[in-house]
């Protein structure tokens, strides 16, 4: 006489809602000109469309200086996606040298 049994125990717990913040830091120095910048823009467009609902995001381009899309990270929605998409379309490798510390301190 053999008996086989399977027991599945599922713990009960609550997951807290978390607020995700995603900041894309993009090299826009002169060394990124041409196909490198085109590849970055294509990847960034893909990433923007894959962001989770209710997250906050921003885009920071850097070179000798840096530029932030928004003054502070914004909630991801249709309007901010359109703004970000338009911004990415206009990005170019026009920010001079490659100095990363200032934008890192800014975010």
N, C-alpha and C. Protein backbone atom coordinates (compact mmCIF):
# COMPACT_ATOMS: atom_id res chain seq x y z
N UNK A 1 0.83 -1.18 0.00
CA UNK A 1 0.00 0.00 0.00
C UNK A 1 0.88 1.24 0.00
N UNK A 2 0.78 2.00 -1.05
CA UNK A 2 1.50 3.26 -1.14
C UNK A 2 0.52 4.40 -1.25
N UNK A 3 0.87 5.50 -0.63
CA UNK A 3 0.05 6.70 -0.69
C UNK A 3 0.94 7.84 -1.15
N UNK A 4 0.46 8.57 -2.11
CA UNK A 4 1.18 9.74 -2.60
C UNK A 4 0.33 10.97 -2.35
N UNK A 5 0.94 12.01 -1.87
CA UNK A 5 0.20 13.24 -1.59
C UNK A 5 1.04 14.42 -2.04
N UNK A 6 0.35 15.47 -2.42
CA UNK A 6 1.03 16.71 -2.79
C UNK A 6 0.35 17.84 -2.03
N UNK A 7 1.15 18.64 -1.40
CA UNK A 7 0.61 19.77 -0.65
C UNK A 7 1.25 21.03 -1.21
N UNK A 8 0.43 22.01 -1.48
CA UNK A 8 0.93 23.30 -1.93
C UNK A 8 0.53 24.33 -0.88
N UNK A 9 1.51 25.00 -0.34
CA UNK A 9 1.25 26.04 0.64
C UNK A 9 1.54 27.39 0.00
N UNK A 10 0.57 28.25 -0.01
CA UNK A 10 0.73 29.58 -0.60
C UNK A 10 0.67 30.60 0.52
N UNK A 11 1.75 31.29 0.75
CA UNK A 11 1.73 32.29 1.83
C UNK A 11 0.85 33.48 1.45
N UNK A 12 0.27 34.08 2.45
CA UNK A 12 -0.53 35.28 2.20
C UNK A 12 0.32 36.48 2.58
N UNK A 13 0.44 37.41 1.67
CA UNK A 13 1.16 38.65 1.94
C UNK A 13 0.67 39.71 0.97
N UNK A 14 0.90 40.93 1.34
CA UNK A 14 0.50 42.04 0.48
C UNK A 14 1.76 42.67 -0.10
N UNK A 15 1.71 42.94 -1.38
CA UNK A 15 2.80 43.65 -2.03
C UNK A 15 2.49 45.14 -1.98
N UNK A 16 3.45 45.89 -1.60
CA UNK A 16 3.27 47.34 -1.58
C UNK A 16 3.46 47.88 -2.98
N UNK A 17 2.66 48.88 -3.31
CA UNK A 17 2.87 49.57 -4.58
C UNK A 17 4.16 50.36 -4.47
N UNK A 18 4.99 50.25 -5.45
CA UNK A 18 6.23 51.00 -5.45
C UNK A 18 6.21 52.00 -6.60
N UNK A 19 6.84 53.10 -6.40
CA UNK A 19 6.97 54.11 -7.43
C UNK A 19 8.34 53.95 -8.07
N UNK A 20 8.36 53.54 -9.30
CA UNK A 20 9.62 53.39 -10.03
C UNK A 20 10.00 54.71 -10.67
N UNK A 21 11.27 55.00 -10.65
CA UNK A 21 11.79 56.17 -11.36
C UNK A 21 12.91 55.68 -12.27
N UNK A 22 12.79 55.99 -13.54
CA UNK A 22 13.77 55.55 -14.53
C UNK A 22 14.32 56.80 -15.21
N UNK A 23 15.63 56.94 -15.15
CA UNK A 23 16.28 58.09 -15.77
C UNK A 23 17.25 57.58 -16.83
N UNK A 24 17.01 57.98 -18.05
CA UNK A 24 17.88 57.61 -19.16
C UNK A 24 18.96 58.67 -19.28
N UNK A 25 20.21 58.27 -19.17
CA UNK A 25 21.34 59.18 -19.30
C UNK A 25 22.01 58.87 -20.63
N UNK A 26 21.95 59.83 -21.54
CA UNK A 26 22.32 59.59 -22.94
C UNK A 26 23.54 60.42 -23.33
N UNK A 27 24.56 59.77 -23.81
CA UNK A 27 25.77 60.44 -24.30
C UNK A 27 25.43 61.15 -25.61
N UNK A 28 25.48 62.47 -25.59
CA UNK A 28 25.26 63.28 -26.79
C UNK A 28 26.51 64.05 -27.17
N UNK A 29 27.66 63.51 -26.78
CA UNK A 29 28.91 64.16 -27.13
C UNK A 29 29.19 63.96 -28.62
N UNK A 30 30.13 64.72 -29.12
CA UNK A 30 30.47 64.65 -30.54
C UNK A 30 30.87 63.27 -31.01
N UNK A 31 31.44 62.46 -30.12
CA UNK A 31 31.88 61.12 -30.51
C UNK A 31 30.71 60.19 -30.83
N UNK A 32 29.49 60.61 -30.53
CA UNK A 32 28.30 59.79 -30.78
C UNK A 32 27.64 60.11 -32.12
N UNK A 33 28.27 60.94 -32.92
CA UNK A 33 27.64 61.34 -34.19
C UNK A 33 27.48 60.16 -35.15
N UNK A 34 26.56 60.33 -36.08
CA UNK A 34 26.33 59.32 -37.10
C UNK A 34 25.48 58.16 -36.62
N UNK A 35 25.88 56.95 -37.01
CA UNK A 35 25.07 55.77 -36.72
C UNK A 35 24.96 55.47 -35.23
N UNK A 36 25.97 55.88 -34.44
CA UNK A 36 25.90 55.65 -33.00
C UNK A 36 24.69 56.36 -32.40
N UNK A 37 24.51 57.62 -32.78
CA UNK A 37 23.38 58.39 -32.25
C UNK A 37 22.07 57.83 -32.77
N UNK A 38 22.04 57.42 -34.03
CA UNK A 38 20.83 56.82 -34.59
C UNK A 38 20.44 55.56 -33.81
N UNK A 39 21.43 54.73 -33.47
CA UNK A 39 21.16 53.51 -32.70
C UNK A 39 20.64 53.83 -31.30
N UNK A 40 21.22 54.85 -30.66
CA UNK A 40 20.78 55.26 -29.33
C UNK A 40 19.33 55.73 -29.39
N UNK A 41 19.01 56.54 -30.37
CA UNK A 41 17.65 57.08 -30.49
C UNK A 41 16.64 55.96 -30.74
N UNK A 42 17.00 55.00 -31.56
CA UNK A 42 16.11 53.88 -31.85
C UNK A 42 15.86 53.05 -30.58
N UNK A 43 16.93 52.77 -29.85
CA UNK A 43 16.79 52.00 -28.60
C UNK A 43 15.98 52.77 -27.57
N UNK A 44 16.22 54.05 -27.47
CA UNK A 44 15.50 54.87 -26.49
C UNK A 44 14.01 54.92 -26.80
N UNK A 45 13.66 55.01 -28.08
CA UNK A 45 12.23 54.98 -28.45
C UNK A 45 11.60 53.66 -28.01
N UNK A 46 12.32 52.58 -28.18
CA UNK A 46 11.82 51.27 -27.76
C UNK A 46 11.66 51.20 -26.24
N UNK A 47 12.66 51.66 -25.51
CA UNK A 47 12.60 51.65 -24.05
C UNK A 47 11.45 52.51 -23.53
N UNK A 48 11.24 53.66 -24.15
CA UNK A 48 10.16 54.54 -23.70
C UNK A 48 8.80 53.86 -23.81
N UNK A 49 8.59 53.11 -24.85
CA UNK A 49 7.31 52.43 -25.03
C UNK A 49 7.15 51.20 -24.13
N UNK A 50 8.22 50.79 -23.50
CA UNK A 50 8.17 49.61 -22.63
C UNK A 50 8.18 49.97 -21.14
N UNK A 51 8.09 51.25 -20.82
CA UNK A 51 8.10 51.64 -19.41
C UNK A 51 6.85 51.13 -18.70
N UNK A 52 6.98 50.79 -17.44
CA UNK A 52 5.80 50.32 -16.69
C UNK A 52 4.84 51.47 -16.40
N UNK A 53 3.57 51.13 -16.31
CA UNK A 53 2.57 52.14 -15.98
C UNK A 53 2.89 52.75 -14.62
N UNK A 54 2.52 54.00 -14.48
CA UNK A 54 2.66 54.73 -13.22
C UNK A 54 4.09 54.95 -12.76
N UNK A 55 5.07 54.75 -13.62
CA UNK A 55 6.44 55.07 -13.23
C UNK A 55 6.70 56.54 -13.53
N UNK A 56 7.80 57.02 -13.03
CA UNK A 56 8.28 58.36 -13.33
C UNK A 56 9.54 58.22 -14.15
N UNK A 57 9.77 59.16 -15.07
CA UNK A 57 10.95 59.03 -15.92
C UNK A 57 11.46 60.40 -16.34
N UNK A 58 12.68 60.40 -16.84
CA UNK A 58 13.28 61.59 -17.39
C UNK A 58 14.40 61.15 -18.34
N UNK A 59 14.81 62.06 -19.19
CA UNK A 59 15.92 61.82 -20.11
C UNK A 59 16.94 62.93 -19.90
N UNK A 60 18.19 62.54 -19.69
CA UNK A 60 19.27 63.50 -19.50
C UNK A 60 20.30 63.24 -20.58
N UNK A 61 20.51 64.23 -21.44
CA UNK A 61 21.56 64.15 -22.45
C UNK A 61 22.79 64.87 -21.93
N UNK A 62 23.97 64.32 -22.19
CA UNK A 62 25.18 64.96 -21.69
C UNK A 62 26.28 64.98 -22.72
N UNK A 63 27.16 65.93 -22.53
CA UNK A 63 28.39 66.12 -23.29
C UNK A 63 29.25 67.00 -22.40
N UNK A 64 29.71 68.14 -22.92
CA UNK A 64 30.39 69.12 -22.08
C UNK A 64 29.39 69.72 -21.09
N UNK A 65 28.17 69.91 -21.55
CA UNK A 65 27.06 70.35 -20.71
C UNK A 65 26.03 69.23 -20.69
N UNK A 66 24.92 69.45 -20.00
CA UNK A 66 23.86 68.45 -20.01
C UNK A 66 22.51 69.13 -20.11
N UNK A 67 21.53 68.39 -20.59
CA UNK A 67 20.16 68.89 -20.75
C UNK A 67 19.20 67.84 -20.24
N UNK A 68 18.24 68.29 -19.43
CA UNK A 68 17.21 67.39 -18.93
C UNK A 68 15.92 67.65 -19.70
N UNK A 69 15.24 66.59 -20.10
CA UNK A 69 13.96 66.76 -20.78
C UNK A 69 12.99 67.50 -19.88
N UNK A 70 12.82 67.04 -18.65
CA UNK A 70 11.94 67.67 -17.67
C UNK A 70 12.79 68.17 -16.51
N UNK A 71 12.34 69.23 -15.84
CA UNK A 71 13.07 69.73 -14.66
C UNK A 71 13.16 68.66 -13.58
N UNK A 72 12.13 67.85 -13.46
CA UNK A 72 12.14 66.70 -12.55
C UNK A 72 11.40 65.57 -13.25
N UNK A 73 11.63 64.36 -12.80
CA UNK A 73 10.99 63.21 -13.44
C UNK A 73 9.48 63.37 -13.45
N UNK A 74 8.86 62.93 -14.54
CA UNK A 74 7.42 63.08 -14.73
C UNK A 74 6.76 61.70 -14.78
N UNK A 75 5.49 61.69 -14.43
CA UNK A 75 4.72 60.44 -14.49
C UNK A 75 4.56 60.04 -15.96
N UNK A 76 4.77 58.77 -16.23
CA UNK A 76 4.64 58.22 -17.58
C UNK A 76 3.16 58.14 -17.96
N UNK A 77 2.79 58.86 -18.99
CA UNK A 77 1.43 58.79 -19.53
C UNK A 77 1.50 59.14 -21.01
N UNK A 78 0.37 59.20 -21.67
CA UNK A 78 0.37 59.48 -23.12
C UNK A 78 1.02 60.81 -23.45
N UNK A 79 0.74 61.83 -22.66
CA UNK A 79 1.27 63.16 -22.95
C UNK A 79 2.78 63.22 -22.77
N UNK A 80 3.29 62.62 -21.69
CA UNK A 80 4.74 62.67 -21.49
C UNK A 80 5.46 61.75 -22.47
N UNK A 81 4.81 60.68 -22.90
CA UNK A 81 5.41 59.82 -23.92
C UNK A 81 5.55 60.58 -25.23
N UNK A 82 4.54 61.33 -25.61
CA UNK A 82 4.61 62.13 -26.84
C UNK A 82 5.74 63.15 -26.74
N UNK A 83 5.81 63.85 -25.60
CA UNK A 83 6.87 64.84 -25.40
C UNK A 83 8.25 64.19 -25.50
N UNK A 84 8.41 63.04 -24.84
CA UNK A 84 9.70 62.35 -24.86
C UNK A 84 10.05 61.85 -26.26
N UNK A 85 9.07 61.33 -26.96
CA UNK A 85 9.30 60.83 -28.32
C UNK A 85 9.77 61.96 -29.24
N UNK A 86 9.12 63.09 -29.13
CA UNK A 86 9.52 64.25 -29.94
C UNK A 86 10.93 64.71 -29.57
N UNK A 87 11.23 64.70 -28.29
CA UNK A 87 12.55 65.10 -27.81
C UNK A 87 13.63 64.17 -28.37
N UNK A 88 13.38 62.87 -28.30
CA UNK A 88 14.36 61.88 -28.79
C UNK A 88 14.57 62.06 -30.30
N UNK A 89 13.51 62.31 -31.03
CA UNK A 89 13.64 62.52 -32.48
C UNK A 89 14.58 63.68 -32.80
N UNK A 90 14.64 64.67 -31.93
CA UNK A 90 15.46 65.86 -32.17
C UNK A 90 16.86 65.76 -31.57
N UNK A 91 17.14 64.70 -30.84
CA UNK A 91 18.45 64.56 -30.21
C UNK A 91 19.54 64.41 -31.26
N UNK A 92 20.70 65.02 -30.96
CA UNK A 92 21.86 64.85 -31.84
C UNK A 92 23.12 64.87 -30.99
N UNK A 93 24.22 64.55 -31.60
CA UNK A 93 25.51 64.53 -30.91
C UNK A 93 26.12 65.93 -30.95
N UNK A 94 25.50 66.84 -30.19
CA UNK A 94 25.87 68.25 -30.30
C UNK A 94 26.24 68.89 -28.96
N UNK A 95 26.56 68.08 -27.96
CA UNK A 95 26.82 68.66 -26.64
C UNK A 95 28.30 68.68 -26.27
N UNK A 96 29.19 68.61 -27.26
CA UNK A 96 30.61 68.78 -27.00
C UNK A 96 31.30 67.52 -26.52
N UNK A 97 32.17 67.69 -25.51
CA UNK A 97 32.97 66.59 -24.97
C UNK A 97 32.14 65.63 -24.12
N UNK A 98 32.83 64.71 -23.48
CA UNK A 98 32.14 63.67 -22.70
C UNK A 98 32.43 63.88 -21.22
N UNK A 99 31.54 64.61 -20.54
CA UNK A 99 31.70 64.88 -19.12
C UNK A 99 30.45 64.40 -18.39
N UNK A 100 30.56 63.29 -17.71
CA UNK A 100 29.43 62.60 -17.11
C UNK A 100 29.11 63.01 -15.68
N UNK A 101 30.07 63.55 -14.94
CA UNK A 101 29.87 63.80 -13.52
C UNK A 101 28.75 64.81 -13.23
N UNK A 102 28.70 65.91 -13.94
CA UNK A 102 27.66 66.91 -13.67
C UNK A 102 26.25 66.37 -13.81
N UNK A 103 25.92 65.66 -14.89
CA UNK A 103 24.57 65.12 -14.95
C UNK A 103 24.29 64.06 -13.89
N UNK A 104 25.30 63.30 -13.51
CA UNK A 104 25.09 62.31 -12.45
C UNK A 104 24.77 63.01 -11.12
N UNK A 105 25.45 64.10 -10.85
CA UNK A 105 25.17 64.86 -9.62
C UNK A 105 23.79 65.50 -9.68
N UNK A 106 23.36 65.88 -10.87
CA UNK A 106 22.06 66.54 -11.03
C UNK A 106 20.88 65.60 -10.79
N UNK A 107 21.09 64.32 -11.09
CA UNK A 107 19.97 63.38 -10.89
C UNK A 107 20.09 62.70 -9.56
